[in-house]
C-alpha atoms as a PDB file:
ATOM      1  CA  MET A   1       2.991   1.143 -19.756  1.00  0.00           C
ATOM      2  CA  ILE A   2       1.108   3.149 -22.360  1.00  0.00           C
ATOM      3  CA  LEU A   3      -0.349   5.320 -19.611  1.00  0.00           C
ATOM      4  CA  ARG A   4       3.164   6.307 -18.551  1.00  0.00           C
ATOM      5  CA  HIS A   5       3.951   7.656 -22.027  1.00  0.00           C
ATOM      6  CA  PHE A   6       0.567   9.373 -22.207  1.00  0.00           C
ATOM      7  CA  TYR A   7       0.964  11.227 -18.913  1.00  0.00           C
ATOM      8  CA  THR A   8       4.606  12.089 -19.569  1.00  0.00           C
ATOM      9  CA  GLY A   9       3.598  13.476 -22.947  1.00  0.00           C
ATOM     10  CA  LEU A  10       0.924  15.651 -21.365  1.00  0.00           C
ATOM     11  CA  PHE A  11       3.414  16.892 -18.782  1.00  0.00           C
ATOM     12  CA  CYS A  12       5.973  17.857 -21.429  1.00  0.00           C
ATOM     13  CA  LEU A  13       3.362  19.539 -23.618  1.00  0.00           C
ATOM     14  CA  ALA A  14       2.144  21.559 -20.663  1.00  0.00           C
ATOM     15  CA  PHE A  15       5.609  23.018 -20.186  1.00  0.00           C
ATOM     16  CA  LEU A  16       6.494  23.662 -23.828  1.00  0.00           C
ATOM     17  CA  PRO A  17       5.029  27.208 -24.056  1.00  0.00           C
ATOM     18  CA  CYS A  18       7.121  28.404 -21.139  1.00  0.00           C
ATOM     19  CA  PHE A  19      10.117  26.106 -21.623  1.00  0.00           C
ATOM     20  CA  ALA A  20      12.355  28.770 -23.183  1.00  0.00           C
ATOM     21  CA  GLN A  21      11.741  31.149 -20.297  1.00  0.00           C
ATOM     22  CA  ASN A  22      11.981  28.468 -17.609  1.00  0.00           C
ATOM     23  CA  ILE A  23      15.219  26.980 -18.901  1.00  0.00           C
ATOM     24  CA  THR A  24      16.965  30.322 -18.441  1.00  0.00           C
ATOM     25  CA  GLU A  25      15.825  30.321 -14.807  1.00  0.00           C
ATOM     26  CA  ALA A  26      16.859  26.715 -14.149  1.00  0.00           C
ATOM     27  CA  ARG A  27      19.977  25.865 -12.150  1.00  0.00           C
ATOM     28  CA  TRP A  28      22.107  22.777 -11.677  1.00  0.00           C
ATOM     29  CA  VAL A  29      21.540  21.126  -8.286  1.00  0.00           C
ATOM     30  CA  ARG A  30      24.210  18.757  -6.999  1.00  0.00           C
ATOM     31  CA  GLN A  31      22.724  15.521  -5.670  1.00  0.00           C
ATOM     32  CA  GLN A  32      23.662  13.963  -2.348  1.00  0.00           C
ATOM     33  CA  ARG A  33      23.863  10.352  -3.499  1.00  0.00           C
ATOM     34  CA  GLN A  34      26.758   9.258  -5.690  1.00  0.00           C
ATOM     35  CA  THR A  35      28.708   6.169  -6.714  1.00  0.00           C
ATOM     36  CA  LYS A  36      32.410   5.574  -6.071  1.00  0.00           C
ATOM     37  CA  ALA A  37      33.277   6.973  -9.489  1.00  0.00           C
ATOM     38  CA  TYR A  38      30.465   9.406 -10.358  1.00  0.00           C
ATOM     39  CA  ARG A  39      28.320  12.150  -8.945  1.00  0.00           C
ATOM     40  CA  PHE A  40      25.171  13.665 -10.422  1.00  0.00           C
ATOM     41  CA  GLU A  41      23.473  17.011 -10.948  1.00  0.00           C
ATOM     42  CA  LEU A  42      19.942  17.819 -12.117  1.00  0.00           C
ATOM     43  CA  LEU A  43      18.925  20.912 -14.064  1.00  0.00           C
ATOM     44  CA  ILE A  44      15.940  22.093 -12.027  1.00  0.00           C
ATOM     45  CA  TRP A  45      13.462  24.891 -12.498  1.00  0.00           C
ATOM     46  CA  GLY A  46      11.212  25.873  -9.596  1.00  0.00           C
ATOM     47  CA  ASP A  47      11.067  24.642  -6.035  1.00  0.00           C
ATOM     48  CA  HIS A  48       7.706  22.880  -5.741  1.00  0.00           C
ATOM     49  CA  PRO A  49       6.163  19.798  -7.412  1.00  0.00           C
ATOM     50  CA  ASP A  50       3.236  21.888  -8.680  1.00  0.00           C
ATOM     51  CA  GLU A  51       5.510  24.542 -10.182  1.00  0.00           C
ATOM     52  CA  GLY A  52       8.796  22.916 -11.086  1.00  0.00           C
ATOM     53  CA  ALA A  53      10.525  20.482 -13.418  1.00  0.00           C
ATOM     54  CA  VAL A  54      13.729  18.604 -14.180  1.00  0.00           C
ATOM     55  CA  TYR A  55      15.102  19.449 -17.627  1.00  0.00           C
ATOM     56  CA  ALA A  56      18.431  17.573 -17.718  1.00  0.00           C
ATOM     57  CA  VAL A  57      20.803  15.289 -15.821  1.00  0.00           C
ATOM     58  CA  LYS A  58      24.595  15.611 -15.675  1.00  0.00           C
ATOM     59  CA  VAL A  59      27.139  12.881 -14.850  1.00  0.00           C
ATOM     60  CA  ILE A  60      30.473  14.072 -13.439  1.00  0.00           C
ATOM     61  CA  SER A  61      33.670  12.167 -12.694  1.00  0.00           C
ATOM     62  CA  ARG A  62      34.466  12.324  -8.972  1.00  0.00           C
ATOM     63  CA  LYS A  63      38.170  11.832  -9.735  1.00  0.00           C
ATOM     64  CA  THR A  64      38.653  14.609 -12.291  1.00  0.00           C
ATOM     65  CA  GLY A  65      35.566  16.783 -11.804  1.00  0.00           C
ATOM     66  CA  LYS A  66      34.996  16.586 -15.565  1.00  0.00           C
ATOM     67  CA  THR A  67      31.467  16.443 -16.979  1.00  0.00           C
ATOM     68  CA  LEU A  68      31.155  13.095 -18.790  1.00  0.00           C
ATOM     69  CA  GLN A  69      27.602  13.285 -20.123  1.00  0.00           C
ATOM     70  CA  VAL A  70      24.540  15.520 -20.146  1.00  0.00           C
ATOM     71  CA  ASP A  71      21.144  14.035 -21.029  1.00  0.00           C
ATOM     72  CA  SER A  72      17.903  15.935 -21.497  1.00  0.00           C
ATOM     73  CA  ALA A  73      14.985  14.998 -19.248  1.00  0.00           C
ATOM     74  CA  CYS A  74      11.330  15.840 -18.726  1.00  0.00           C
ATOM     75  CA  ALA A  75      10.210  15.124 -15.178  1.00  0.00           C
ATOM     76  CA  ASN A  76       8.259  16.500 -12.257  1.00  0.00           C
ATOM     77  CA  LEU A  77       9.799  17.419  -8.938  1.00  0.00           C
ATOM     78  CA  ASP A  78       9.014  15.150  -6.018  1.00  0.00           C
ATOM     79  CA  ASN A  79       8.162  16.285  -2.495  1.00  0.00           C
ATOM     80  CA  GLY A  80      11.632  15.833  -1.040  1.00  0.00           C
ATOM     81  CA  PRO A  81      14.680  18.113  -0.975  1.00  0.00           C
ATOM     82  CA  LEU A  82      15.895  19.156  -4.420  1.00  0.00           C
ATOM     83  CA  ASP A  83      19.381  17.803  -3.698  1.00  0.00           C
ATOM     84  CA  ASP A  84      18.008  14.384  -2.714  1.00  0.00           C
ATOM     85  CA  MET A  85      16.173  13.346  -5.876  1.00  0.00           C
ATOM     86  CA  VAL A  86      18.700  10.859  -7.298  1.00  0.00           C
ATOM     87  CA  SER A  87      18.808   7.309  -5.903  1.00  0.00           C
ATOM     88  CA  ILE A  88      21.512   4.686  -6.489  1.00  0.00           C
ATOM     89  CA  GLN A  89      20.610   1.028  -7.133  1.00  0.00           C
ATOM     90  CA  ASP A  90      21.936  -1.902  -9.145  1.00  0.00           C
ATOM     91  CA  CYS A  91      18.697  -2.087 -11.111  1.00  0.00           C
ATOM     92  CA  ASN A  92      19.663  -4.797 -13.617  1.00  0.00           C
ATOM     93  CA  PHE A  93      21.714  -6.910 -11.178  1.00  0.00           C
ATOM     94  CA  ASP A  94      24.937  -6.788 -13.221  1.00  0.00           C
ATOM     95  CA  GLY A  95      27.137  -5.665 -10.331  1.00  0.00           C
ATOM     96  CA  TYR A  96      27.328  -2.000 -11.424  1.00  0.00           C
ATOM     97  CA  PRO A  97      25.431   0.772  -9.618  1.00  0.00           C
ATOM     98  CA  ASP A  98      22.801   2.589 -11.684  1.00  0.00           C
ATOM     99  CA  PHE A  99      20.751   5.666 -10.807  1.00  0.00           C
ATOM    100  CA  TYR A 100      17.196   6.933 -11.118  1.00  0.00           C
ATOM    101  CA  PHE A 101      15.044   9.880 -10.127  1.00  0.00           C
ATOM    102  CA  PHE A 102      11.342  10.677  -9.838  1.00  0.00           C
ATOM    103  CA  ASN A 103       9.416  11.266 -13.045  1.00  0.00           C
ATOM    104  CA  TYR A 104       5.657  11.519 -12.536  1.00  0.00           C
ATOM    105  CA  MET A 105       2.855  10.691 -10.094  1.00  0.00           C
ATOM    106  CA  GLY A 106      -0.779  10.298 -11.062  1.00  0.00           C
ATOM    107  CA  ASN A 107      -3.537   9.847  -8.513  1.00  0.00           C
ATOM    108  CA  VAL A 108      -1.814   6.713  -7.236  1.00  0.00           C
ATOM    109  CA  ASN A 109       0.904   5.374  -9.554  1.00  0.00           C
ATOM    110  CA  SER A 110       4.434   6.812  -9.727  1.00  0.00           C
ATOM    111  CA  THR A 111       7.143   6.361 -12.352  1.00  0.00           C
ATOM    112  CA  TYR A 112      10.883   7.066 -12.359  1.00  0.00           C
ATOM    113  CA  ASN A 113      13.608   7.766 -14.910  1.00  0.00           C
ATOM    114  CA  PHE A 114      16.171   4.935 -14.858  1.00  0.00           C
ATOM    115  CA  TYR A 115      19.734   5.158 -16.186  1.00  0.00           C
ATOM    116  CA  LEU A 116      21.719   1.908 -16.365  1.00  0.00           C
ATOM    117  CA  PHE A 117      25.512   1.911 -16.403  1.00  0.00           C
ATOM    118  CA  ASN A 118      27.112   0.387 -19.492  1.00  0.00           C
ATOM    119  CA  PRO A 119      30.648  -0.693 -18.483  1.00  0.00           C
ATOM    120  CA  LYS A 120      31.786  -1.100 -22.102  1.00  0.00           C
ATOM    121  CA  ILE A 121      31.299   2.564 -22.982  1.00  0.00           C
ATOM    122  CA  LYS A 122      31.319   3.857 -19.381  1.00  0.00           C
ATOM    123  CA  ARG A 123      28.069   5.764 -19.799  1.00  0.00           C
ATOM    124  CA  PHE A 124      24.683   5.700 -18.112  1.00  0.00           C
ATOM    125  CA  ILE A 125      21.984   4.792 -20.659  1.00  0.00           C
ATOM    126  CA  TYR A 126      18.330   5.737 -20.170  1.00  0.00           C
ATOM    127  CA  ASN A 127      16.223   2.558 -19.959  1.00  0.00           C
ATOM    128  CA  ASP A 128      12.717   3.091 -21.275  1.00  0.00           C
ATOM    129  CA  ALA A 129      11.386  -0.331 -20.229  1.00  0.00           C
ATOM    130  CA  LEU A 130      12.231   0.199 -16.550  1.00  0.00           C
ATOM    131  CA  SER A 131      11.029   3.789 -16.693  1.00  0.00           C
ATOM    132  CA  GLN A 132       7.578   2.615 -17.743  1.00  0.00           C
ATOM    133  CA  LEU A 133       7.064   0.525 -14.595  1.00  0.00           C
ATOM    134  CA  THR A 134       4.956   2.018 -11.817  1.00  0.00           C
ATOM    135  CA  ASP A 135       6.178   1.911  -8.208  1.00  0.00           C
ATOM    136  CA  PRO A 136       8.928  -0.661  -8.889  1.00  0.00           C
ATOM    137  CA  TRP A 137      10.769  -2.636  -6.218  1.00  0.00           C
ATOM    138  CA  PHE A 138      13.943  -4.737  -6.540  1.00  0.00           C
ATOM    139  CA  ASP A 139      14.680  -8.211  -5.157  1.00  0.00           C
ATOM    140  CA  LYS A 140      18.464  -8.521  -5.357  1.00  0.00           C
ATOM    141  CA  GLU A 141      18.545 -12.124  -4.133  1.00  0.00           C
ATOM    142  CA  ASP A 142      16.153 -13.506  -6.774  1.00  0.00           C
ATOM    143  CA  LYS A 143      16.997 -10.813  -9.369  1.00  0.00           C
ATOM    144  CA  ILE A 144      13.342  -9.890  -9.725  1.00  0.00           C
ATOM    145  CA  ILE A 145      11.836  -6.445 -10.341  1.00  0.00           C
ATOM    146  CA  GLY A 146       8.264  -6.077  -9.142  1.00  0.00           C
ATOM    147  CA  THR A 147       5.726  -3.414  -9.992  1.00  0.00           C
ATOM    148  CA  SER A 148       2.243  -2.644  -8.758  1.00  0.00           C
ATOM    149  CA  TYR A 149      -0.434  -0.440 -10.278  1.00  0.00           C
ATOM    150  CA  ARG A 150      -3.970   0.812  -9.752  1.00  0.00           C
ATOM    151  CA  GLY A 151      -5.960   1.555 -12.894  1.00  0.00           C
ATOM    152  CA  SER A 152      -9.050   2.790 -11.018  1.00  0.00           C
ATOM    153  CA  ALA A 153     -10.845   2.366  -7.707  1.00  0.00           C
ATOM    154  CA  SER A 154     -11.877  -1.125  -8.828  1.00  0.00           C
ATOM    155  CA  ASN A 155      -8.850  -2.254 -10.832  1.00  0.00           C
ATOM    156  CA  HIS A 156      -5.359  -3.073  -9.585  1.00  0.00           C
ATOM    157  CA  GLY A 157      -2.611  -5.575 -10.143  1.00  0.00           C
ATOM    158  CA  SER A 158       1.075  -6.407 -10.072  1.00  0.00           C
ATOM    159  CA  GLU A 159       3.768  -7.773 -12.366  1.00  0.00           C
ATOM    160  CA  GLU A 160       7.254  -9.219 -11.974  1.00  0.00           C
ATOM    161  CA  TYR A 161      10.161  -8.852 -14.402  1.00  0.00           C
ATOM    162  CA  THR A 162      13.730 -10.038 -14.776  1.00  0.00           C
ATOM    163  CA  PHE A 163      16.622  -9.063 -17.026  1.00  0.00           C
ATOM    164  CA  THR A 164      17.771 -11.534 -19.669  1.00  0.00           C
ATOM    165  CA  GLY A 165      20.918  -9.886 -20.937  1.00  0.00           C
ATOM    166  CA  ASP A 166      19.895  -6.323 -21.694  1.00  0.00           C
ATOM    167  CA  THR A 167      16.211  -7.200 -22.176  1.00  0.00           C
ATOM    168  CA  LEU A 168      13.601  -6.721 -19.448  1.00  0.00           C
ATOM    169  CA  GLU A 169      11.196  -9.684 -19.584  1.00  0.00           C
ATOM    170  CA  ARG A 170       7.911 -10.126 -17.761  1.00  0.00           C
ATOM    171  CA  VAL A 171       7.682 -13.348 -15.747  1.00  0.00           C
ATOM    172  CA  SER A 172       4.375 -13.001 -13.879  1.00  0.00           C
ATOM    173  CA  LEU A 173       1.116 -11.051 -13.920  1.00  0.00           C
ATOM    174  CA  TRP A 174      -1.866 -10.633 -11.615  1.00  0.00           C
ATOM    175  CA  ASP A 175      -4.749  -8.301 -12.448  1.00  0.00           C
ATOM    176  CA  GLN A 176      -8.073  -7.879 -10.652  1.00  0.00           C
ATOM    177  CA  ASP A 177     -11.137  -5.930 -11.754  1.00  0.00           C
ATOM    178  CA  LEU A 178     -13.796  -5.802  -9.038  1.00  0.00           C
ATOM    179  CA  GLU A 179     -16.726  -4.396 -10.992  1.00  0.00           C
ATOM    180  CA  ILE A 180     -17.052  -6.465 -14.154  1.00  0.00           C
ATOM    181  CA  TRP A 181     -20.290  -8.010 -12.839  1.00  0.00           C
ATOM    182  CA  PRO A 182     -22.360  -6.953  -9.815  1.00  0.00           C
ATOM    183  CA  GLU A 183     -21.398  -9.964  -7.671  1.00  0.00           C
ATOM    184  CA  PHE A 184     -18.154 -10.976  -9.344  1.00  0.00           C
ATOM    185  CA  SER A 185     -14.593  -9.895  -9.952  1.00  0.00           C
ATOM    186  CA  LYS A 186     -12.521 -10.673 -13.008  1.00  0.00           C
ATOM    187  CA  GLU A 187      -8.983 -11.853 -12.410  1.00  0.00           C
ATOM    188  CA  LYS A 188      -6.123 -12.622 -14.755  1.00  0.00           C
ATOM    189  CA  ILE A 189      -2.910 -14.427 -13.922  1.00  0.00           C
ATOM    190  CA  GLY A 190       0.011 -14.986 -16.234  1.00  0.00           C
ATOM    191  CA  GLY A 191       3.468 -16.476 -16.174  1.00  0.00           C
ATOM    192  CA  ILE A 192       6.179 -18.407 -17.959  1.00  0.00           C
ATOM    193  CA  ASN A 193       5.410 -22.137 -18.132  1.00  0.00           C
ATOM    194  CA  LYS A 194       7.987 -24.954 -17.966  1.00  0.00           C
ATOM    195  CA  ASN A 195       8.480 -24.717 -21.751  1.00  0.00           C
ATOM    196  CA  GLY A 196       9.400 -21.046 -21.492  1.00  0.00           C
ATOM    197  CA  ILE A 197       6.124 -19.877 -23.060  1.00  0.00           C
ATOM    198  CA  TRP A 198       4.031 -17.031 -21.634  1.00  0.00           C
ATOM    199  CA  THR A 199       0.518 -18.209 -20.698  1.00  0.00           C
ATOM    200  CA  GLU A 200      -2.484 -16.391 -19.218  1.00  0.00           C
ATOM    201  CA  HIS A 201      -5.612 -17.596 -17.433  1.00  0.00           C
ATOM    202  CA  THR A 202      -8.714 -15.497 -16.742  1.00  0.00           C
ATOM    203  CA  PHE A 203     -11.231 -16.480 -14.085  1.00  0.00           C
ATOM    204  CA  ARG A 204     -13.929 -15.007 -11.874  1.00  0.00           C
ATOM    205  CA  GLY A 205     -14.093 -14.465  -8.159  1.00  0.00           C
ATOM    206  CA  ILE A 206     -17.145 -13.958  -5.909  1.00  0.00           C
ATOM    207  CA  TYR A 207     -16.684 -10.870  -3.770  1.00  0.00           C
ATOM    208  CA  LYS A 208     -19.812  -8.714  -3.503  1.00  0.00           C
ATOM    209  CA  ALA A 209     -22.629 -11.196  -3.021  1.00  0.00           C
ATOM    210  CA  PRO A 210     -25.137 -11.668  -0.186  1.00  0.00           C
ATOM    211  CA  PRO A 211     -24.219 -14.405   2.324  1.00  0.00           C
ATOM    212  CA  TYR A 212     -24.280 -17.794   0.643  1.00  0.00           C
ATOM    213  CA  GLN A 213     -23.657 -21.422   1.584  1.00  0.00           C
ATOM    214  CA  ILE A 214     -20.764 -23.526   0.308  1.00  0.00           C
ATOM    215  CA  TYR A 215     -21.739 -27.194  -0.020  1.00  0.00           C
ATOM    216  CA  ALA A 216     -19.589 -30.309  -0.081  1.00  0.00           C
ATOM    217  CA  ALA A 217     -21.263 -31.418  -3.335  1.00  0.00           C
ATOM    218  CA  PRO A 218     -23.474 -29.766  -6.007  1.00  0.00           C
ATOM    219  CA  SER A 219     -26.679 -30.574  -4.167  1.00  0.00           C
ATOM    220  CA  LEU A 220     -28.811 -28.852  -1.540  1.00  0.00           C
ATOM    221  CA  HIS A 221     -28.835 -32.221   0.239  1.00  0.00           C
ATOM    222  CA  ALA A 222     -25.063 -32.064   0.706  1.00  0.00           C
ATOM    223  CA  LYS A 223     -23.278 -30.953   3.872  1.00  0.00           C
ATOM    224  CA  ILE A 224     -22.932 -27.174   4.317  1.00  0.00           C
ATOM    225  CA  LEU A 225     -19.238 -26.441   4.759  1.00  0.00           C
ATOM    226  CA  LYS A 226     -19.488 -22.714   5.352  1.00  0.00           C
ATOM    227  CA  THR A 227     -21.868 -19.762   5.301  1.00  0.00           C
ATOM    228  CA  THR A 228     -20.042 -16.710   3.972  1.00  0.00           C
ATOM    229  CA  ASN A 229     -20.117 -13.094   5.105  1.00  0.00           C
ATOM    230  CA  SER A 230     -19.418  -9.728   3.475  1.00  0.00           C
ATOM    231  CA  GLU A 231     -15.633 -10.249   3.806  1.00  0.00           C
ATOM    232  CA  SER A 232     -15.604 -13.594   2.012  1.00  0.00           C
ATOM    233  CA  TYR A 233     -13.824 -14.009  -1.291  1.00  0.00           C
ATOM    234  CA  THR A 234     -13.805 -17.217  -3.318  1.00  0.00           C
ATOM    235  CA  VAL A 235     -12.577 -18.084  -6.795  1.00  0.00           C
ATOM    236  CA  ILE A 236     -14.703 -19.933  -9.352  1.00  0.00           C
ATOM    237  CA  ASP A 237     -12.637 -22.676 -10.984  1.00  0.00           C
ATOM    238  CA  GLN A 238     -15.437 -24.646 -12.696  1.00  0.00           C
ATOM    239  CA  GLU A 239     -19.209 -24.721 -13.108  1.00  0.00           C
ATOM    240  CA  ASN A 240     -22.135 -26.738 -14.333  1.00  0.00           C
ATOM    241  CA  LYS A 241     -25.709 -25.749 -15.174  1.00  0.00           C
ATOM    242  CA  ASP A 242     -26.779 -24.654 -11.688  1.00  0.00           C
ATOM    243  CA  TRP A 243     -23.613 -24.658  -9.579  1.00  0.00           C
ATOM    244  CA  TYR A 244     -20.178 -23.056  -9.243  1.00  0.00           C
ATOM    245  CA  HIS A 245     -17.210 -24.917  -7.812  1.00  0.00           C
ATOM    246  CA  VAL A 246     -15.152 -22.491  -5.707  1.00  0.00           C
ATOM    247  CA  THR A 247     -11.832 -22.408  -3.900  1.00  0.00           C
ATOM    248  CA  GLY A 248     -10.519 -20.082  -1.223  1.00  0.00           C
ATOM    249  CA  ASP A 249     -10.738 -20.440   2.542  1.00  0.00           C
ATOM    250  CA  THR A 250     -13.224 -23.238   1.794  1.00  0.00           C
ATOM    251  CA  THR A 251     -13.438 -25.455  -1.283  1.00  0.00           C
ATOM    252  CA  GLY A 252     -16.884 -26.591  -2.363  1.00  0.00           C
ATOM    253  CA  TRP A 253     -20.007 -25.850  -4.403  1.00  0.00           C
ATOM    254  CA  VAL A 254     -22.229 -22.762  -4.505  1.00  0.00           C
ATOM    255  CA  LYS A 255     -25.733 -22.606  -5.934  1.00  0.00           C
ATOM    256  CA  LYS A 256     -25.663 -20.004  -8.720  1.00  0.00           C
ATOM    257  CA  ASN A 257     -28.878 -18.220  -7.826  1.00  0.00           C
ATOM    258  CA  ALA A 258     -27.616 -17.756  -4.250  1.00  0.00           C
ATOM    259  CA  LEU A 259     -25.213 -15.089  -5.505  1.00  0.00           C
ATOM    260  CA  PHE A 260     -27.727 -12.655  -6.920  1.00  0.00           C
ATOM    261  CA  SER A 261     -29.525 -10.354  -4.533  1.00  0.00           C
ATOM    262  CA  THR A 262     -32.455  -9.994  -6.972  1.00  0.00           C
ATOM    263  CA  GLN A 263     -33.256 -13.725  -6.705  1.00  0.00           C
ATOM    264  CA  PRO A 264     -34.582 -15.625  -3.676  1.00  0.00           C
ATOM    265  CA  HIS A 265     -31.901 -17.200  -1.536  1.00  0.00           C
ATOM    266  CA  PRO A 266     -32.212 -21.015  -1.721  1.00  0.00           C
ATOM    267  CA  LYS A 267     -32.908 -22.711   1.558  1.00  0.00           C
ATOM    268  CA  PRO A 268     -30.995 -25.863   2.426  1.00  0.00           C
ATOM    269  CA  VAL A 269     -32.985 -29.043   2.131  1.00  0.00           C
ATOM    270  CA  GLU A 270     -33.349 -30.811   5.439  1.00  0.00           C
ATOM    271  CA  ARG A 271     -31.270 -33.964   5.497  1.00  0.00           C
ATOM    272  CA  LYS A 272     -33.018 -36.998   6.916  1.00  0.00           C
END
C-alpha cells in the first residue's frame, strides 16, 4: 500500500513543473460507461500513456445535464481509448454502482482510483483504501475483494478484503519470498481466526534444492516415499536436530543435509 502512495507521489511531482501549461491544453472527454442516473467525464491532457495524464473527474446528471461534482485527480492514461477509461462496478456491495479508472502501472502492479457512491448525500466519494490495492478483483457472491501483487522477481502474494460498514478490512494474506535462503522460500499466511482476531504464521518451503528423498520416518532406515525433482515444492511444518517434516504432494521426513548442494547427498541405508 505504501508503494502505491510513493509511486503516485513521484508521478504527480514529475508533472508539477508543466502542470500549469498542460492544464490549459487539457480537455474534458466524455466516457462511454455510465450508470442509470449519472455519466462521467475526465479532464485529460495528451493522448498516450507516456505523455498524458488525468487531472480531474466530473459527475453529470443524465436527467438534467447538470454538473453535480468535480474532483481533482492525478493519474496516468491507460492503453485503451480515452473515452473508455471509466468502469462501473458495485465495489462495496451495497447495491449502488460505483466507478473507477486507471491510476498507475509499475513494472507489474496496477492501481486504480475508486469512487464509491454515498446514497445519503448523493455523491461519489474517493476511497483511498480501495485505491491502494493492486490489480483488484471483486467476488459479488461472497462479497470479497481480492488483490495480487509482485514485489520483485522473487516476491509475490495476494490478499482478500471485505467491507464492514464503510471500512475495508483484510481477511486473508499469503506472501512468498523465494530467495530468503539458497534452498528455501519464506511464506507468510494470515487470516481472521474464530475469535475475530487477525493471526499470522510464517514458515519455510523447500523449492530450489537438489533432488532429495522423503522418508516415512526420521530415519535413513525408513521407507522412501518419494524422490523429488526440480519442480518439487514442499512446506516445512516441523523439525528436529537432523530432519525436517514436510507436507505437499507427499508428507514425510527429509534429511537436512540432503537439501544443501555443498554437502554430500546422504545415501539410503539398505534395509534388511
